[in-house]
Amino acid sequence: MPLEHRPITPADTEAWSVLTDVLAEADGTDERYAPEDLAEELDEPGFTPALDSIGVWDGGRMVGYGQLRIKAALLEGRAMASIHGGVDPAYRGRGVGRDIMDRLEARAGELSAQRHPGAPVRVDVWANAPGSGTTRLAAARGYEPVRYFQDMRLDLPIWQDPDAGQPSPLALPFDPRHAEAVRLAHNEAFADHWGSTPRTPEAWADMLASRSARPALSRVALAGPQADASAGPAASPGPEGSGTPAADSPAGAVDSYVLCAEWTPGTLHVNLVGTRRRARGRGLAATLLTDVVRAAREAGYRRVELGVDSESPTGAVGLYERVGFAKVRTNVVYSRLL
């Protein structure tokens, strides 16, 4: 019986979740997702499942999938598309991945033309590790490796607190009132990071409202003179996606932040870490991250993990190692212009 290709729907999330478990085990990624988390992905702002997703089926079993996303802003004059997916190991070598790429690359051209008319399109493919099936598929299609990322892990039962368990008054629990201030701080902090474009208010709100978000374990550091302002009225942002708050806005009150999520029980994932340029060199990120790890241990987690650009301009790899994280795998991003 031939394989069936069709868009992913909410009714498919159970089978999709099973496939992510298969892929995590086969490829050693630990990327396992519950059906509820996958259902939220289908509702992401700017993502249209009927056009931007593909599920490959063998009867009632999902054996492959692909997702396309295009960023809201241009980067260096280019539309930025990314393709993510996977194929069950038992079905690899049969053209399943090639067919997914054919369909999503074509869709990337169409969607980019709608959102960013006339702009060239760069497509990124995130591969699990150098030498994996995904890297071979990408290379065969003319993609080239452009960036390497490290997955890092900290095992809590054996962790040695670098601050000897002394909490810092600078590390404050994330509060919903900080949301816009943290978004603007993030857009500024990541303005010099590879592949980064400003987060829109809609995408930011979607991330913070997700089932996986763990605001109680997230932390922020406020700027001294403006700390009291963060508890006032909602921030008035500057231009959408900008890293500069309006002059009368309390949004500049956040200097550093660590935002956390949980997809696998017992593992806390550090989703984002950043510090405004004006506050770099003061150890704020290390202070917040250490407090997050301490809180995770107190909450009963077994480990904390994160991903980091191997060439981060802020020296993030060294910071994470000082806190106690160690590399567990390397991922590679392949890229090409359509």
C-alpha atoms as a PDB file:
ATOM      1  CA  MET A   1       0.000   0.000   0.000  1.00  0.00           C
ATOM      2  CA  PRO A   2       1.471   3.408  -0.950  1.00  0.00           C
ATOM      3  CA  LEU A   3       2.233   5.936   1.767  1.00  0.00           C
ATOM      4  CA  GLU A   4      -0.259   8.737   2.286  1.00  0.00           C
ATOM      5  CA  HIS A   5       0.785  12.395   2.496  1.00  0.00           C
ATOM      6  CA  ARG A   6      -1.531  14.926   4.100  1.00  0.00           C
ATOM      7  CA  PRO A   7      -1.396  17.996   6.376  1.00  0.00           C
ATOM      8  CA  ILE A   8      -1.155  17.406  10.116  1.00  0.00           C
ATOM      9  CA  THR A   9      -4.363  18.061  12.074  1.00  0.00           C
ATOM     10  CA  PRO A  10      -5.199  18.114  15.797  1.00  0.00           C
ATOM     11  CA  ALA A  11      -6.552  14.572  15.423  1.00  0.00           C
ATOM     12  CA  ASP A  12      -3.035  13.416  14.475  1.00  0.00           C
ATOM     13  CA  THR A  13      -1.184  14.551  17.587  1.00  0.00           C
ATOM     14  CA  GLU A  14      -1.266  11.161  19.354  1.00  0.00           C
ATOM     15  CA  ALA A  15       0.400   9.436  16.391  1.00  0.00           C
ATOM     16  CA  TRP A  16       2.742  12.384  15.955  1.00  0.00           C
ATOM     17  CA  SER A  17       3.798  12.136  19.609  1.00  0.00           C
ATOM     18  CA  VAL A  18       4.561   8.432  19.181  1.00  0.00           C
ATOM     19  CA  LEU A  19       6.764   9.277  16.192  1.00  0.00           C
ATOM     20  CA  THR A  20       8.706  11.889  18.189  1.00  0.00           C
ATOM     21  CA  ASP A  21       9.447   9.201  20.785  1.00  0.00           C
ATOM     22  CA  VAL A  22      10.700   6.870  18.051  1.00  0.00           C
ATOM     23  CA  LEU A  23      12.916   9.591  16.589  1.00  0.00           C
ATOM     24  CA  ALA A  24      14.261  10.641  19.988  1.00  0.00           C
ATOM     25  CA  GLU A  25      15.283   7.059  20.731  1.00  0.00           C
ATOM     26  CA  ALA A  26      16.760   6.361  17.298  1.00  0.00           C
ATOM     27  CA  ASP A  27      18.663   9.631  16.946  1.00  0.00           C
ATOM     28  CA  GLY A  28      19.541  10.214  20.605  1.00  0.00           C
ATOM     29  CA  THR A  29      17.997  13.675  20.732  1.00  0.00           C
ATOM     30  CA  ASP A  30      15.746  13.474  23.830  1.00  0.00           C
ATOM     31  CA  GLU A  31      13.201  15.546  21.856  1.00  0.00           C
ATOM     32  CA  ARG A  32       9.967  13.959  23.037  1.00  0.00           C
ATOM     33  CA  TYR A  33       6.693  15.832  22.850  1.00  0.00           C
ATOM     34  CA  ALA A  34       3.303  15.153  24.375  1.00  0.00           C
ATOM     35  CA  PRO A  35       0.211  15.372  22.140  1.00  0.00           C
ATOM     36  CA  GLU A  36      -0.897  18.523  23.969  1.00  0.00           C
ATOM     37  CA  ASP A  37       2.397  20.290  23.181  1.00  0.00           C
ATOM     38  CA  LEU A  38       2.187  19.303  19.520  1.00  0.00           C
ATOM     39  CA  ALA A  39      -1.401  20.553  19.340  1.00  0.00           C
ATOM     40  CA  GLU A  40      -0.132  23.968  20.462  1.00  0.00           C
ATOM     41  CA  GLU A  41       2.410  23.980  17.634  1.00  0.00           C
ATOM     42  CA  LEU A  42      -0.439  23.755  15.158  1.00  0.00           C
ATOM     43  CA  ASP A  43      -1.883  26.969  16.621  1.00  0.00           C
ATOM     44  CA  GLU A  44       1.302  29.040  16.488  1.00  0.00           C
ATOM     45  CA  PRO A  45       0.867  32.556  15.037  1.00  0.00           C
ATOM     46  CA  GLY A  46       1.790  32.623  11.367  1.00  0.00           C
ATOM     47  CA  PHE A  47       1.678  28.830  10.989  1.00  0.00           C
ATOM     48  CA  THR A  48      -1.032  27.310   8.767  1.00  0.00           C
ATOM     49  CA  PRO A  49      -1.064  23.513   9.269  1.00  0.00           C
ATOM     50  CA  ALA A  50      -3.066  22.866   6.102  1.00  0.00           C
ATOM     51  CA  LEU A  51      -0.261  24.413   4.030  1.00  0.00           C
ATOM     52  CA  ASP A  52       2.839  24.413   6.246  1.00  0.00           C
ATOM     53  CA  SER A  53       2.851  20.828   7.579  1.00  0.00           C
ATOM     54  CA  ILE A  54       3.023  17.325   6.138  1.00  0.00           C
ATOM     55  CA  GLY A  55       2.375  13.993   7.798  1.00  0.00           C
ATOM     56  CA  VAL A  56       3.385  10.782   6.038  1.00  0.00           C
ATOM     57  CA  TRP A  57       1.255   7.774   6.932  1.00  0.00           C
ATOM     58  CA  ASP A  58       1.449   4.027   6.530  1.00  0.00           C
ATOM     59  CA  GLY A  59      -2.095   3.081   7.416  1.00  0.00           C
ATOM     60  CA  GLY A  60      -2.763   4.445  10.903  1.00  0.00           C
ATOM     61  CA  ARG A  61       0.916   5.012  11.695  1.00  0.00           C
ATOM     62  CA  MET A  62       2.688   8.324  11.129  1.00  0.00           C
ATOM     63  CA  VAL A  63       6.113   7.473   9.702  1.00  0.00           C
ATOM     64  CA  GLY A  64       7.356  10.937   8.771  1.00  0.00           C
ATOM     65  CA  TYR A  65       6.529  14.599   9.172  1.00  0.00           C
ATOM     66  CA  GLY A  66       7.708  18.059   8.208  1.00  0.00           C
ATOM     67  CA  GLN A  67       6.963  21.624   9.295  1.00  0.00           C
ATOM     68  CA  LEU A  68       7.768  24.935   7.626  1.00  0.00           C
ATOM     69  CA  ARG A  69       8.092  28.261   9.408  1.00  0.00           C
ATOM     70  CA  ILE A  70       9.009  31.686   8.055  1.00  0.00           C
ATOM     71  CA  LYS A  71      10.092  34.503  10.312  1.00  0.00           C
ATOM     72  CA  ALA A  72       8.067  37.683  10.421  1.00  0.00           C
ATOM     73  CA  ALA A  73      11.087  39.913   9.769  1.00  0.00           C
ATOM     74  CA  LEU A  74      13.755  39.862   7.077  1.00  0.00           C
ATOM     75  CA  LEU A  75      17.369  39.185   8.003  1.00  0.00           C
ATOM     76  CA  GLU A  76      19.968  40.947   5.881  1.00  0.00           C
ATOM     77  CA  GLY A  77      17.298  41.456   3.227  1.00  0.00           C
ATOM     78  CA  ARG A  78      16.355  37.768   3.076  1.00  0.00           C
ATOM     79  CA  ALA A  79      13.216  35.894   4.031  1.00  0.00           C
ATOM     80  CA  MET A  80      14.154  33.314   6.669  1.00  0.00           C
ATOM     81  CA  ALA A  81      12.503  29.900   6.359  1.00  0.00           C
ATOM     82  CA  SER A  82      13.196  26.810   8.437  1.00  0.00           C
ATOM     83  CA  ILE A  83      12.205  23.197   7.897  1.00  0.00           C
ATOM     84  CA  HIS A  84      12.028  20.690  10.714  1.00  0.00           C
ATOM     85  CA  GLY A  85      10.905  17.086  10.621  1.00  0.00           C
ATOM     86  CA  GLY A  86      11.891  13.451  10.745  1.00  0.00           C
ATOM     87  CA  VAL A  87      11.374  10.003   9.286  1.00  0.00           C
ATOM     88  CA  ASP A  88      10.903   6.747  11.159  1.00  0.00           C
ATOM     89  CA  PRO A  89      14.182   4.760  10.848  1.00  0.00           C
ATOM     90  CA  ALA A  90      12.280   1.805   9.361  1.00  0.00           C
ATOM     91  CA  TYR A  91      11.225   4.026   6.433  1.00  0.00           C
ATOM     92  CA  ARG A  92      14.499   5.815   5.740  1.00  0.00           C
ATOM     93  CA  GLY A  93      16.192   5.324   2.389  1.00  0.00           C
ATOM     94  CA  ARG A  94      12.843   5.150   0.573  1.00  0.00           C
ATOM     95  CA  GLY A  95      12.565   8.781  -0.517  1.00  0.00           C
ATOM     96  CA  VAL A  96      10.231   9.856   2.304  1.00  0.00           C
ATOM     97  CA  GLY A  97      12.481  12.663   3.488  1.00  0.00           C
ATOM     98  CA  ARG A  98      13.168  13.784  -0.079  1.00  0.00           C
ATOM     99  CA  ASP A  99       9.454  14.053  -0.789  1.00  0.00           C
ATOM    100  CA  ILE A 100       8.850  16.072   2.388  1.00  0.00           C
ATOM    101  CA  MET A 101      11.625  18.479   1.403  1.00  0.00           C
ATOM    102  CA  ASP A 102      10.290  18.834  -2.149  1.00  0.00           C
ATOM    103  CA  ARG A 103       6.881  19.857  -0.863  1.00  0.00           C
ATOM    104  CA  LEU A 104       8.058  22.209   1.891  1.00  0.00           C
ATOM    105  CA  GLU A 105      10.695  23.935  -0.203  1.00  0.00           C
ATOM    106  CA  ALA A 106       8.021  24.712  -2.792  1.00  0.00           C
ATOM    107  CA  ARG A 107       5.760  26.023  -0.037  1.00  0.00           C
ATOM    108  CA  ALA A 108       8.639  28.144   1.344  1.00  0.00           C
ATOM    109  CA  GLY A 109       8.873  29.931  -1.994  1.00  0.00           C
ATOM    110  CA  GLU A 110       5.130  30.556  -2.110  1.00  0.00           C
ATOM    111  CA  LEU A 111       4.797  31.766   1.469  1.00  0.00           C
ATOM    112  CA  SER A 112       7.873  33.975   1.279  1.00  0.00           C
ATOM    113  CA  ALA A 113       6.517  35.623  -1.861  1.00  0.00           C
ATOM    114  CA  GLN A 114       3.312  36.419   0.039  1.00  0.00           C
ATOM    115  CA  ARG A 115       4.953  37.789   3.188  1.00  0.00           C
ATOM    116  CA  HIS A 116       8.143  39.264   1.777  1.00  0.00           C
ATOM    117  CA  PRO A 117       7.584  39.996  -1.938  1.00  0.00           C
ATOM    118  CA  GLY A 118      10.784  40.147  -3.954  1.00  0.00           C
ATOM    119  CA  ALA A 119      13.082  39.031  -1.130  1.00  0.00           C
ATOM    120  CA  PRO A 120      15.408  36.074  -1.668  1.00  0.00           C
ATOM    121  CA  VAL A 121      14.620  33.079   0.515  1.00  0.00           C
ATOM    122  CA  ARG A 122      17.098  31.343   2.805  1.00  0.00           C
ATOM    123  CA  VAL A 123      16.022  27.936   4.066  1.00  0.00           C
ATOM    124  CA  ASP A 124      17.591  26.422   7.184  1.00  0.00           C
ATOM    125  CA  VAL A 125      17.388  22.731   8.027  1.00  0.00           C
ATOM    126  CA  TRP A 126      18.180  21.696  11.584  1.00  0.00           C
ATOM    127  CA  ALA A 127      19.979  18.377  11.666  1.00  0.00           C
ATOM    128  CA  ASN A 128      20.550  16.260  14.745  1.00  0.00           C
ATOM    129  CA  ALA A 129      24.284  15.676  14.389  1.00  0.00           C
ATOM    130  CA  PRO A 130      27.075  15.739  11.824  1.00  0.00           C
ATOM    131  CA  GLY A 131      26.850  12.591   9.707  1.00  0.00           C
ATOM    132  CA  SER A 132      23.167  11.942  10.424  1.00  0.00           C
ATOM    133  CA  GLY A 133      20.627  11.010   7.757  1.00  0.00           C
ATOM    134  CA  THR A 134      19.309  14.571   7.795  1.00  0.00           C
ATOM    135  CA  THR A 135      22.747  16.026   7.093  1.00  0.00           C
ATOM    136  CA  ARG A 136      23.201  13.649   4.168  1.00  0.00           C
ATOM    137  CA  LEU A 137      19.791  14.563   2.767  1.00  0.00           C
ATOM    138  CA  ALA A 138      20.498  18.280   3.154  1.00  0.00           C
ATOM    139  CA  ALA A 139      23.927  18.007   1.524  1.00  0.00           C
ATOM    140  CA  ALA A 140      22.460  16.070  -1.400  1.00  0.00           C
ATOM    141  CA  ARG A 141      20.021  18.943  -1.999  1.00  0.00           C
ATOM    142  CA  GLY A 142      22.708  21.618  -2.079  1.00  0.00           C
ATOM    143  CA  TYR A 143      22.528  22.771   1.533  1.00  0.00           C
ATOM    144  CA  GLU A 144      25.768  23.625   3.311  1.00  0.00           C
ATOM    145  CA  PRO A 145      26.606  23.508   7.041  1.00  0.00           C
ATOM    146  CA  VAL A 146      26.587  27.051   8.383  1.00  0.00           C
ATOM    147  CA  ARG A 147      26.360  26.816  12.165  1.00  0.00           C
ATOM    148  CA  TYR A 148      26.844  24.377  15.019  1.00  0.00           C
ATOM    149  CA  PHE A 149      24.891  24.277  18.256  1.00  0.00           C
ATOM    150  CA  GLN A 150      25.538  22.378  21.462  1.00  0.00           C
ATOM    151  CA  ASP A 151      22.994  20.646  23.657  1.00  0.00           C
ATOM    152  CA  MET A 152      24.168  20.901  27.253  1.00  0.00           C
ATOM    153  CA  ARG A 153      22.961  19.172  30.388  1.00  0.00           C
ATOM    154  CA  LEU A 154      23.314  19.486  34.129  1.00  0.00           C
ATOM    155  CA  ASP A 155      22.524  16.485  36.355  1.00  0.00           C
ATOM    156  CA  LEU A 156      21.002  17.828  39.539  1.00  0.00           C
ATOM    157  CA  PRO A 157      21.747  14.949  41.957  1.00  0.00           C
ATOM    158  CA  ILE A 158      25.496  15.564  41.543  1.00  0.00           C
ATOM    159  CA  TRP A 159      25.468  19.316  40.913  1.00  0.00           C
ATOM    160  CA  GLN A 160      27.790  21.473  42.998  1.00  0.00           C
ATOM    161  CA  ASP A 161      26.292  24.939  43.506  1.00  0.00           C
ATOM    162  CA  PRO A 162      29.009  27.413  42.456  1.00  0.00           C
ATOM    163  CA  ASP A 163      27.563  29.989  44.861  1.00  0.00           C
ATOM    164  CA  ALA A 164      27.418  27.556  47.788  1.00  0.00           C
ATOM    165  CA  GLY A 165      23.636  27.792  47.895  1.00  0.00           C
ATOM    166  CA  GLN A 166      23.561  31.531  48.589  1.00  0.00           C
ATOM    167  CA  PRO A 167      20.530  33.077  46.839  1.00  0.00           C
ATOM    168  CA  SER A 168      20.962  36.417  45.114  1.00  0.00           C
ATOM    169  CA  PRO A 169      18.508  39.275  45.656  1.00  0.00           C
ATOM    170  CA  LEU A 170      18.987  40.113  41.978  1.00  0.00           C
ATOM    171  CA  ALA A 171      17.227  36.931  40.819  1.00  0.00           C
ATOM    172  CA  LEU A 172      13.483  37.566  40.828  1.00  0.00           C
ATOM    173  CA  PRO A 173      10.759  35.135  39.750  1.00  0.00           C
ATOM    174  CA  PHE A 174       9.252  35.971  36.376  1.00  0.00           C
ATOM    175  CA  ASP A 175       5.958  37.826  36.676  1.00  0.00           C
ATOM    176  CA  PRO A 176       3.437  38.307  33.826  1.00  0.00           C
ATOM    177  CA  ARG A 177       3.946  42.046  34.279  1.00  0.00           C
ATOM    178  CA  HIS A 178       7.510  41.531  33.057  1.00  0.00           C
ATOM    179  CA  ALA A 179       6.435  39.963  29.756  1.00  0.00           C
ATOM    180  CA  GLU A 180       6.811  42.968  27.443  1.00  0.00           C
ATOM    181  CA  ALA A 181       9.930  44.195  29.213  1.00  0.00           C
ATOM    182  CA  VAL A 182      11.558  40.794  28.743  1.00  0.00           C
ATOM    183  CA  ARG A 183      10.545  40.698  25.061  1.00  0.00           C
ATOM    184  CA  LEU A 184      12.247  44.017  24.409  1.00  0.00           C
ATOM    185  CA  ALA A 185      15.288  42.970  26.421  1.00  0.00           C
ATOM    186  CA  HIS A 186      15.448  39.744  24.400  1.00  0.00           C
ATOM    187  CA  ASN A 187      15.236  41.545  21.062  1.00  0.00           C
ATOM    188  CA  GLU A 188      18.136  43.778  22.095  1.00  0.00           C
ATOM    189  CA  ALA A 189      20.188  40.968  23.625  1.00  0.00           C
ATOM    190  CA  PHE A 190      19.896  38.777  20.522  1.00  0.00           C
ATOM    191  CA  ALA A 191      20.334  41.514  17.920  1.00  0.00           C
ATOM    192  CA  ASP A 192      23.960  40.422  17.440  1.00  0.00           C
ATOM    193  CA  HIS A 193      23.227  36.658  17.434  1.00  0.00           C
ATOM    194  CA  TRP A 194      23.390  34.524  14.300  1.00  0.00           C
ATOM    195  CA  GLY A 195      20.054  33.996  12.558  1.00  0.00           C
ATOM    196  CA  SER A 196      18.063  36.004  15.089  1.00  0.00           C
ATOM    197  CA  THR A 197      15.217  38.345  14.177  1.00  0.00           C
ATOM    198  CA  PRO A 198      13.008  40.355  16.572  1.00  0.00           C
ATOM    199  CA  ARG A 199      10.189  38.486  18.301  1.00  0.00           C
ATOM    200  CA  THR A 200       6.766  39.976  17.646  1.00  0.00           C
ATOM    201  CA  PRO A 201       4.310  40.573  20.512  1.00  0.00           C
ATOM    202  CA  GLU A 202       2.027  37.846  19.123  1.00  0.00           C
ATOM    203  CA  ALA A 203       4.725  35.187  18.942  1.00  0.00           C
ATOM    204  CA  TRP A 204       6.048  36.177  22.367  1.00  0.00           C
ATOM    205  CA  ALA A 205       2.632  35.946  24.002  1.00  0.00           C
ATOM    206  CA  ASP A 206       2.086  32.552  22.384  1.00  0.00           C
ATOM    207  CA  MET A 207       5.364  31.235  23.802  1.00  0.00           C
ATOM    208  CA  LEU A 208       4.670  32.498  27.319  1.00  0.00           C
ATOM    209  CA  ALA A 209       1.133  31.063  27.302  1.00  0.00           C
ATOM    210  CA  SER A 210       2.211  27.613  26.138  1.00  0.00           C
ATOM    211  CA  ARG A 211       1.560  24.494  28.183  1.00  0.00           C
ATOM    212  CA  SER A 212       5.297  23.869  28.449  1.00  0.00           C
ATOM    213  CA  ALA A 213       6.190  27.302  29.879  1.00  0.00           C
ATOM    214  CA  ARG A 214       7.411  27.303  33.480  1.00  0.00           C
ATOM    215  CA  PRO A 215       7.219  30.940  34.635  1.00  0.00           C
ATOM    216  CA  ALA A 216       7.567  29.984  38.314  1.00  0.00           C
ATOM    217  CA  LEU A 217      11.049  28.637  37.572  1.00  0.00           C
ATOM    218  CA  SER A 218      12.030  31.505  35.253  1.00  0.00           C
ATOM    219  CA  ARG A 219      14.006  34.493  36.521  1.00  0.00           C
ATOM    220  CA  VAL A 220      14.602  38.166  35.697  1.00  0.00           C
ATOM    221  CA  ALA A 221      17.014  40.819  36.914  1.00  0.00           C
ATOM    222  CA  LEU A 222      15.761  44.389  36.987  1.00  0.00           C
ATOM    223  CA  ALA A 223      17.716  47.562  36.381  1.00  0.00           C
ATOM    224  CA  GLY A 224      18.307  49.331  39.704  1.00  0.00           C
ATOM    225  CA  PRO A 225      16.723  52.750  39.126  1.00  0.00           C
ATOM    226  CA  GLN A 226      13.770  51.235  37.283  1.00  0.00           C
ATOM    227  CA  ALA A 227      13.051  48.188  39.427  1.00  0.00           C
ATOM    228  CA  ASP A 228       9.950  49.673  41.018  1.00  0.00           C
ATOM    229  CA  ALA A 229       8.517  50.619  37.627  1.00  0.00           C
ATOM    230  CA  SER A 230       8.132  46.989  36.584  1.00  0.00           C
ATOM    231  CA  ALA A 231       5.225  46.586  38.970  1.00  0.00           C
ATOM    232  CA  GLY A 232       3.341  49.476  37.396  1.00  0.00           C
ATOM    233  CA  PRO A 233       1.033  49.585  34.357  1.00  0.00           C
ATOM    234  CA  ALA A 234       1.708  47.474  31.301  1.00  0.00           C
ATOM    235  CA  ALA A 235       4.673  48.599  29.245  1.00  0.00           C
ATOM    236  CA  SER A 236       4.180  50.757  26.172  1.00  0.00           C
ATOM    237  CA  PRO A 237       6.435  49.197  23.552  1.00  0.00           C
ATOM    238  CA  GLY A 238       8.306  51.110  20.918  1.00  0.00           C
ATOM    239  CA  PRO A 239       8.006  50.072  17.269  1.00  0.00           C
ATOM    240  CA  GLU A 240       6.878  46.456  16.885  1.00  0.00           C
ATOM    241  CA  GLY A 241       9.756  44.049  17.310  1.00  0.00           C
ATOM    242  CA  SER A 242      12.236  46.781  18.234  1.00  0.00           C
ATOM    243  CA  GLY A 243      14.661  46.385  21.104  1.00  0.00           C
ATOM    244  CA  THR A 244      14.144  49.986  22.249  1.00  0.00           C
ATOM    245  CA  PRO A 245      11.338  50.828  24.700  1.00  0.00           C
ATOM    246  CA  ALA A 246       9.391  54.049  24.482  1.00  0.00           C
ATOM    247  CA  ALA A 247      10.951  56.828  26.552  1.00  0.00           C
ATOM    248  CA  ASP A 248       8.134  56.825  29.141  1.00  0.00           C
ATOM    249  CA  SER A 249       7.885  53.033  29.296  1.00  0.00           C
ATOM    250  CA  PRO A 250       8.967  50.775  32.198  1.00  0.00           C
ATOM    251  CA  ALA A 251       9.928  48.158  29.598  1.00  0.00           C
ATOM    252  CA  GLY A 252      13.618  48.970  30.021  1.00  0.00           C
ATOM    253  CA  ALA A 253      13.481  47.764  33.616  1.00  0.00           C
ATOM    254  CA  VAL A 254      14.650  44.225  32.723  1.00  0.00           C
ATOM    255  CA  ASP A 255      18.404  43.829  32.296  1.00  0.00           C
ATOM    256  CA  SER A 256      18.659  40.018  32.158  1.00  0.00           C
ATOM    257  CA  TYR A 257      16.342  37.011  32.008  1.00  0.00           C
ATOM    258  CA  VAL A 258      16.177  33.212  31.969  1.00  0.00           C
ATOM    259  CA  LEU A 259      12.970  31.644  30.639  1.00  0.00           C
ATOM    260  CA  CYS A 260      12.218  27.955  31.204  1.00  0.00           C
ATOM    261  CA  ALA A 261       9.973  25.247  29.816  1.00  0.00           C
ATOM    262  CA  GLU A 262       9.261  21.548  30.373  1.00  0.00           C
ATOM    263  CA  TRP A 263       8.516  18.986  27.677  1.00  0.00           C
ATOM    264  CA  THR A 264       9.807  15.839  29.369  1.00  0.00           C
ATOM    265  CA  PRO A 265       8.853  15.057  32.993  1.00  0.00           C
ATOM    266  CA  GLY A 266      11.839  15.458  35.292  1.00  0.00           C
ATOM    267  CA  THR A 267      13.773  17.683  32.867  1.00  0.00           C
ATOM    268  CA  LEU A 268      13.655  21.474  32.978  1.00  0.00           C
ATOM    269  CA  HIS A 269      14.621  23.110  29.682  1.00  0.00           C
ATOM    270  CA  VAL A 270      16.211  26.551  29.697  1.00  0.00           C
ATOM    271  CA  ASN A 271      14.514  28.096  26.719  1.00  0.00           C
ATOM    272  CA  LEU A 272      16.101  31.560  26.536  1.00  0.00           C
ATOM    273  CA  VAL A 273      18.923  33.354  28.332  1.00  0.00           C
ATOM    274  CA  GLY A 274      19.866  36.934  27.590  1.00  0.00           C
ATOM    275  CA  THR A 275      21.322  40.165  28.941  1.00  0.00           C
ATOM    276  CA  ARG A 276      20.976  43.676  27.576  1.00  0.00           C
ATOM    277  CA  ARG A 277      24.230  45.083  26.236  1.00  0.00           C
ATOM    278  CA  ARG A 278      24.329  47.809  28.877  1.00  0.00           C
ATOM    279  CA  ALA A 279      24.366  45.149  31.608  1.00  0.00           C
ATOM    280  CA  ARG A 280      26.819  42.631  30.141  1.00  0.00           C
ATOM    281  CA  GLY A 281      29.947  41.791  32.093  1.00  0.00           C
ATOM    282  CA  ARG A 282      28.210  41.893  35.487  1.00  0.00           C
ATOM    283  CA  GLY A 283      27.496  38.166  35.766  1.00  0.00           C
ATOM    284  CA  LEU A 284      23.730  38.612  35.709  1.00  0.00           C
ATOM    285  CA  ALA A 285      23.002  35.663  33.411  1.00  0.00           C
ATOM    286  CA  ALA A 286      25.140  33.332  35.540  1.00  0.00           C
ATOM    287  CA  THR A 287      23.408  34.556  38.695  1.00  0.00           C
ATOM    288  CA  LEU A 288      19.933  34.006  37.266  1.00  0.00           C
ATOM    289  CA  LEU A 289      20.791  30.637  35.737  1.00  0.00           C
ATOM    290  CA  THR A 290      22.300  29.384  38.993  1.00  0.00           C
ATOM    291  CA  ASP A 291      19.131  30.410  40.815  1.00  0.00           C
ATOM    292  CA  VAL A 292      17.031  28.577  38.201  1.00  0.00           C
ATOM    293  CA  VAL A 293      19.090  25.405  38.654  1.00  0.00           C
ATOM    294  CA  ARG A 294      18.778  25.691  42.419  1.00  0.00           C
ATOM    295  CA  ALA A 295      14.999  26.111  42.132  1.00  0.00           C
ATOM    296  CA  ALA A 296      14.776  23.144  39.751  1.00  0.00           C
ATOM    297  CA  ARG A 297      16.547  20.936  42.270  1.00  0.00           C
ATOM    298  CA  GLU A 298      14.240  22.079  45.046  1.00  0.00           C
ATOM    299  CA  ALA A 299      11.238  21.353  42.805  1.00  0.00           C
ATOM    300  CA  GLY A 300      12.365  17.745  42.298  1.00  0.00           C
ATOM    301  CA  TYR A 301      13.723  17.868  38.747  1.00  0.00           C
ATOM    302  CA  ARG A 302      16.466  15.404  37.829  1.00  0.00           C
ATOM    303  CA  ARG A 303      18.275  17.510  35.279  1.00  0.00           C
ATOM    304  CA  VAL A 304      18.357  20.860  33.488  1.00  0.00           C
ATOM    305  CA  GLU A 305      19.198  21.206  29.795  1.00  0.00           C
ATOM    306  CA  LEU A 306      19.685  23.927  27.212  1.00  0.00           C
ATOM    307  CA  GLY A 307      20.926  24.566  23.685  1.00  0.00           C
ATOM    308  CA  VAL A 308      23.562  27.127  22.743  1.00  0.00           C
ATOM    309  CA  ASP A 309      25.239  28.505  19.646  1.00  0.00           C
ATOM    310  CA  SER A 310      28.811  27.177  19.668  1.00  0.00           C
ATOM    311  CA  GLU A 311      30.008  30.584  18.419  1.00  0.00           C
ATOM    312  CA  SER A 312      27.801  32.757  20.605  1.00  0.00           C
ATOM    313  CA  PRO A 313      29.235  36.299  20.652  1.00  0.00           C
ATOM    314  CA  THR A 314      28.589  36.558  24.394  1.00  0.00           C
ATOM    315  CA  GLY A 315      30.708  33.546  25.358  1.00  0.00           C
ATOM    316  CA  ALA A 316      27.626  31.678  26.535  1.00  0.00           C
ATOM    317  CA  VAL A 317      29.238  28.238  26.302  1.00  0.00           C
ATOM    318  CA  GLY A 318      31.833  29.151  28.905  1.00  0.00           C
ATOM    319  CA  LEU A 319      29.180  30.709  31.142  1.00  0.00           C
ATOM    320  CA  TYR A 320      27.103  27.531  31.102  1.00  0.00           C
ATOM    321  CA  GLU A 321      30.144  25.390  31.822  1.00  0.00           C
ATOM    322  CA  ARG A 322      30.969  27.508  34.872  1.00  0.00           C
ATOM    323  CA  VAL A 323      27.461  26.985  36.210  1.00  0.00           C
ATOM    324  CA  GLY A 324      27.902  23.222  35.777  1.00  0.00           C
ATOM    325  CA  PHE A 325      26.506  22.315  32.339  1.00  0.00           C
ATOM    326  CA  ALA A 326      28.344  19.880  30.067  1.00  0.00           C
ATOM    327  CA  LYS A 327      27.971  19.206  26.341  1.00  0.00           C
ATOM    328  CA  VAL A 328      26.028  16.070  25.415  1.00  0.00           C
ATOM    329  CA  ARG A 329      25.684  16.457  21.629  1.00  0.00           C
ATOM    330  CA  THR A 330      26.318  18.745  18.681  1.00  0.00           C
ATOM    331  CA  ASN A 331      23.641  19.798  16.195  1.00  0.00           C
ATOM    332  CA  VAL A 332      24.286  21.377  12.826  1.00  0.00           C
ATOM    333  CA  VAL A 333      22.276  23.850  10.764  1.00  0.00           C
ATOM    334  CA  TYR A 334      22.356  23.436   6.997  1.00  0.00           C
ATOM    335  CA  SER A 335      21.324  26.336   4.802  1.00  0.00           C
ATOM    336  CA  ARG A 336      20.781  27.290   1.159  1.00  0.00           C
ATOM    337  CA  LEU A 337      19.173  30.001  -0.930  1.00  0.00           C
ATOM    338  CA  LEU A 338      16.183  28.878  -2.915  1.00  0.00           C
END
